[in-house]
Amino acid sequence: MRLSPIYEQKLAEVKQEGIQEGIQVERRNLIENLLRVRFGSLNAELRVITEALLTLSPQEFTPLLLQLSREELLERFL
């Protein structure tokens, strides 16, 4: 059975969206875990900067999370 080209295209789009959503979830988990390890817990301020950090690539946000203090992170991203 052959699927219509439109259906195949839509299926590919939905699959790609799912992949991108999965990548975002994993990045969020990585950022939140690094923040917890460094600072013990995630307060409201750290949760807010998570959103800003998600706009960066892992190569960009990893050194920031490992090197900057809580205050420096908040100053930079709030």
N, C-alpha and C. Protein backbone atom coordinates (compact mmCIF):
# COMPACT_ATOMS: atom_id res chain seq x y z
N MET A 1 0.83 -1.17 0.00
CA MET A 1 0.00 0.00 0.00
C MET A 1 0.88 1.24 0.00
N ARG A 2 0.61 2.14 -0.87
CA ARG A 2 1.38 3.39 -1.02
C ARG A 2 0.61 4.53 -0.37
N LEU A 3 1.30 5.29 0.49
CA LEU A 3 0.68 6.45 1.12
C LEU A 3 0.77 7.65 0.18
N SER A 4 -0.17 8.55 0.32
CA SER A 4 -0.15 9.73 -0.53
C SER A 4 1.05 10.60 -0.17
N PRO A 5 1.60 11.32 -1.14
CA PRO A 5 2.75 12.18 -0.87
C PRO A 5 2.47 13.23 0.22
N ILE A 6 1.27 13.75 0.25
CA ILE A 6 0.91 14.76 1.26
C ILE A 6 0.94 14.11 2.65
N TYR A 7 0.38 12.91 2.76
CA TYR A 7 0.37 12.20 4.04
C TYR A 7 1.79 11.88 4.48
N GLU A 8 2.63 11.42 3.55
CA GLU A 8 4.02 11.11 3.87
C GLU A 8 4.77 12.37 4.34
N GLN A 9 4.51 13.48 3.68
CA GLN A 9 5.15 14.74 4.06
C GLN A 9 4.71 15.16 5.46
N LYS A 10 3.43 15.07 5.73
CA LYS A 10 2.89 15.44 7.04
C LYS A 10 3.47 14.53 8.13
N LEU A 11 3.57 13.26 7.83
CA LEU A 11 4.13 12.29 8.77
C LEU A 11 5.59 12.62 9.08
N ALA A 12 6.35 12.98 8.05
CA ALA A 12 7.75 13.37 8.24
C ALA A 12 7.87 14.63 9.09
N GLU A 13 6.97 15.59 8.86
CA GLU A 13 6.98 16.83 9.64
C GLU A 13 6.69 16.57 11.12
N VAL A 14 5.69 15.74 11.37
CA VAL A 14 5.32 15.41 12.75
C VAL A 14 6.47 14.67 13.44
N LYS A 15 7.12 13.78 12.72
CA LYS A 15 8.26 13.04 13.27
C LYS A 15 9.39 14.00 13.61
N GLN A 16 9.68 14.94 12.74
CA GLN A 16 10.75 15.92 12.98
C GLN A 16 10.41 16.81 14.18
N GLU A 17 9.15 17.21 14.29
CA GLU A 17 8.72 18.01 15.45
C GLU A 17 8.91 17.24 16.75
N GLY A 18 8.61 15.96 16.73
CA GLY A 18 8.79 15.11 17.91
C GLY A 18 10.25 14.99 18.29
N ILE A 19 11.11 14.86 17.30
CA ILE A 19 12.55 14.79 17.55
C ILE A 19 13.03 16.09 18.18
N GLN A 20 12.62 17.22 17.63
CA GLN A 20 13.04 18.51 18.17
C GLN A 20 12.53 18.72 19.60
N GLU A 21 11.31 18.29 19.85
CA GLU A 21 10.75 18.42 21.20
C GLU A 21 11.55 17.54 22.18
N GLY A 22 11.92 16.35 21.76
CA GLY A 22 12.73 15.47 22.60
C GLY A 22 14.09 16.06 22.91
N ILE A 23 14.69 16.72 21.93
CA ILE A 23 15.99 17.37 22.14
C ILE A 23 15.84 18.49 23.17
N GLN A 24 14.77 19.28 23.07
CA GLN A 24 14.54 20.37 24.02
C GLN A 24 14.35 19.82 25.44
N VAL A 25 13.61 18.73 25.58
CA VAL A 25 13.38 18.14 26.89
C VAL A 25 14.71 17.67 27.48
N GLU A 26 15.54 17.03 26.69
CA GLU A 26 16.83 16.56 27.17
C GLU A 26 17.75 17.72 27.56
N ARG A 27 17.75 18.78 26.76
CA ARG A 27 18.55 19.96 27.10
C ARG A 27 18.08 20.59 28.41
N ARG A 28 16.77 20.70 28.57
CA ARG A 28 16.21 21.25 29.81
C ARG A 28 16.64 20.40 31.01
N ASN A 29 16.55 19.08 30.85
CA ASN A 29 16.96 18.19 31.94
C ASN A 29 18.44 18.35 32.26
N LEU A 30 19.27 18.47 31.25
CA LEU A 30 20.70 18.66 31.45
C LEU A 30 20.98 19.96 32.20
N ILE A 31 20.37 21.04 31.75
CA ILE A 31 20.56 22.35 32.39
C ILE A 31 20.09 22.31 33.84
N GLU A 32 18.90 21.78 34.07
CA GLU A 32 18.37 21.72 35.44
C GLU A 32 19.22 20.84 36.33
N ASN A 33 19.72 19.72 35.81
CA ASN A 33 20.58 18.84 36.61
C ASN A 33 21.90 19.53 36.96
N LEU A 34 22.49 20.22 36.01
CA LEU A 34 23.74 20.94 36.31
C LEU A 34 23.51 22.03 37.35
N LEU A 35 22.39 22.74 37.25
CA LEU A 35 22.08 23.76 38.24
C LEU A 35 21.86 23.14 39.63
N ARG A 36 21.19 22.00 39.68
CA ARG A 36 20.98 21.33 40.97
C ARG A 36 22.29 20.87 41.58
N VAL A 37 23.16 20.30 40.77
CA VAL A 37 24.45 19.82 41.28
C VAL A 37 25.28 20.98 41.80
N ARG A 38 25.29 22.09 41.07
CA ARG A 38 26.09 23.24 41.48
C ARG A 38 25.52 23.98 42.68
N PHE A 39 24.18 24.15 42.70
CA PHE A 39 23.58 25.05 43.68
C PHE A 39 22.60 24.38 44.64
N GLY A 40 22.45 23.08 44.55
CA GLY A 40 21.65 22.34 45.51
C GLY A 40 20.17 22.23 45.20
N SER A 41 19.59 23.25 44.67
CA SER A 41 18.16 23.20 44.32
C SER A 41 17.87 24.27 43.27
N LEU A 42 16.69 24.14 42.69
CA LEU A 42 16.26 25.13 41.69
C LEU A 42 15.20 26.02 42.30
N ASN A 43 15.55 27.26 42.52
CA ASN A 43 14.54 28.21 42.99
C ASN A 43 13.90 28.86 41.76
N ALA A 44 12.98 29.76 41.99
CA ALA A 44 12.24 30.40 40.89
C ALA A 44 13.16 31.14 39.93
N GLU A 45 14.18 31.82 40.48
CA GLU A 45 15.10 32.57 39.61
C GLU A 45 15.87 31.65 38.69
N LEU A 46 16.37 30.53 39.23
CA LEU A 46 17.12 29.60 38.39
C LEU A 46 16.23 28.93 37.36
N ARG A 47 14.98 28.70 37.70
CA ARG A 47 14.05 28.13 36.71
C ARG A 47 13.82 29.11 35.55
N VAL A 48 13.78 30.41 35.86
CA VAL A 48 13.59 31.41 34.81
C VAL A 48 14.79 31.45 33.87
N ILE A 49 15.99 31.38 34.41
CA ILE A 49 17.15 31.45 33.51
C ILE A 49 17.32 30.18 32.68
N THR A 50 16.67 29.10 33.11
CA THR A 50 16.69 27.88 32.30
C THR A 50 16.15 28.16 30.91
N GLU A 51 15.10 28.94 30.83
CA GLU A 51 14.51 29.29 29.53
C GLU A 51 15.52 30.02 28.65
N ALA A 52 16.25 30.96 29.23
CA ALA A 52 17.26 31.70 28.47
C ALA A 52 18.40 30.78 28.03
N LEU A 53 18.79 29.88 28.91
CA LEU A 53 19.88 28.96 28.59
C LEU A 53 19.50 28.00 27.47
N LEU A 54 18.22 27.70 27.36
CA LEU A 54 17.75 26.80 26.30
C LEU A 54 17.95 27.38 24.90
N THR A 55 18.11 28.68 24.82
CA THR A 55 18.33 29.30 23.51
C THR A 55 19.77 29.12 23.03
N LEU A 56 20.64 28.70 23.95
CA LEU A 56 22.05 28.49 23.61
C LEU A 56 22.30 27.03 23.25
N SER A 57 23.38 26.79 22.55
CA SER A 57 23.78 25.41 22.25
C SER A 57 24.43 24.81 23.49
N PRO A 58 24.50 23.48 23.57
CA PRO A 58 25.18 22.86 24.71
C PRO A 58 26.64 23.31 24.84
N GLN A 59 27.29 23.57 23.73
CA GLN A 59 28.67 24.04 23.76
C GLN A 59 28.77 25.42 24.39
N GLU A 60 27.69 26.20 24.28
CA GLU A 60 27.68 27.53 24.87
C GLU A 60 27.26 27.52 26.33
N PHE A 61 26.19 26.74 26.66
CA PHE A 61 25.68 26.82 28.03
C PHE A 61 26.46 25.98 29.03
N THR A 62 27.12 24.91 28.60
CA THR A 62 27.83 24.05 29.55
C THR A 62 28.95 24.79 30.28
N PRO A 63 29.85 25.49 29.59
CA PRO A 63 30.90 26.21 30.33
C PRO A 63 30.33 27.28 31.26
N LEU A 64 29.26 27.95 30.84
CA LEU A 64 28.65 28.97 31.69
C LEU A 64 28.14 28.35 32.99
N LEU A 65 27.48 27.21 32.86
CA LEU A 65 26.91 26.56 34.04
C LEU A 65 27.98 26.01 34.97
N LEU A 66 29.11 25.64 34.41
CA LEU A 66 30.18 25.08 35.23
C LEU A 66 31.10 26.14 35.83
N GLN A 67 31.15 27.32 35.24
CA GLN A 67 32.13 28.31 35.66
C GLN A 67 31.54 29.51 36.40
N LEU A 68 30.34 29.94 36.02
CA LEU A 68 29.78 31.15 36.62
C LEU A 68 29.12 30.84 37.96
N SER A 69 29.18 31.79 38.86
CA SER A 69 28.49 31.66 40.14
C SER A 69 27.00 31.86 39.94
N ARG A 70 26.23 31.53 40.95
CA ARG A 70 24.78 31.75 40.90
C ARG A 70 24.48 33.22 40.59
N GLU A 71 25.16 34.12 41.28
CA GLU A 71 24.94 35.55 41.08
C GLU A 71 25.29 35.98 39.66
N GLU A 72 26.40 35.45 39.13
CA GLU A 72 26.80 35.80 37.76
C GLU A 72 25.79 35.28 36.74
N LEU A 73 25.29 34.07 36.95
CA LEU A 73 24.28 33.54 36.05
C LEU A 73 23.00 34.37 36.08
N LEU A 74 22.57 34.73 37.28
CA LEU A 74 21.35 35.52 37.41
C LEU A 74 21.54 36.90 36.78
N GLU A 75 22.69 37.50 37.02
CA GLU A 75 22.97 38.82 36.46
C GLU A 75 22.98 38.77 34.93
N ARG A 76 23.54 37.73 34.40
CA ARG A 76 23.68 37.62 32.95
C ARG A 76 22.35 37.31 32.24
N PHE A 77 21.49 36.51 32.88
CA PHE A 77 20.30 36.02 32.19
C PHE A 77 18.97 36.58 32.69
N LEU A 78 18.98 37.37 33.74
CA LEU A 78 17.71 37.96 34.19
C LEU A 78 17.54 39.36 33.65
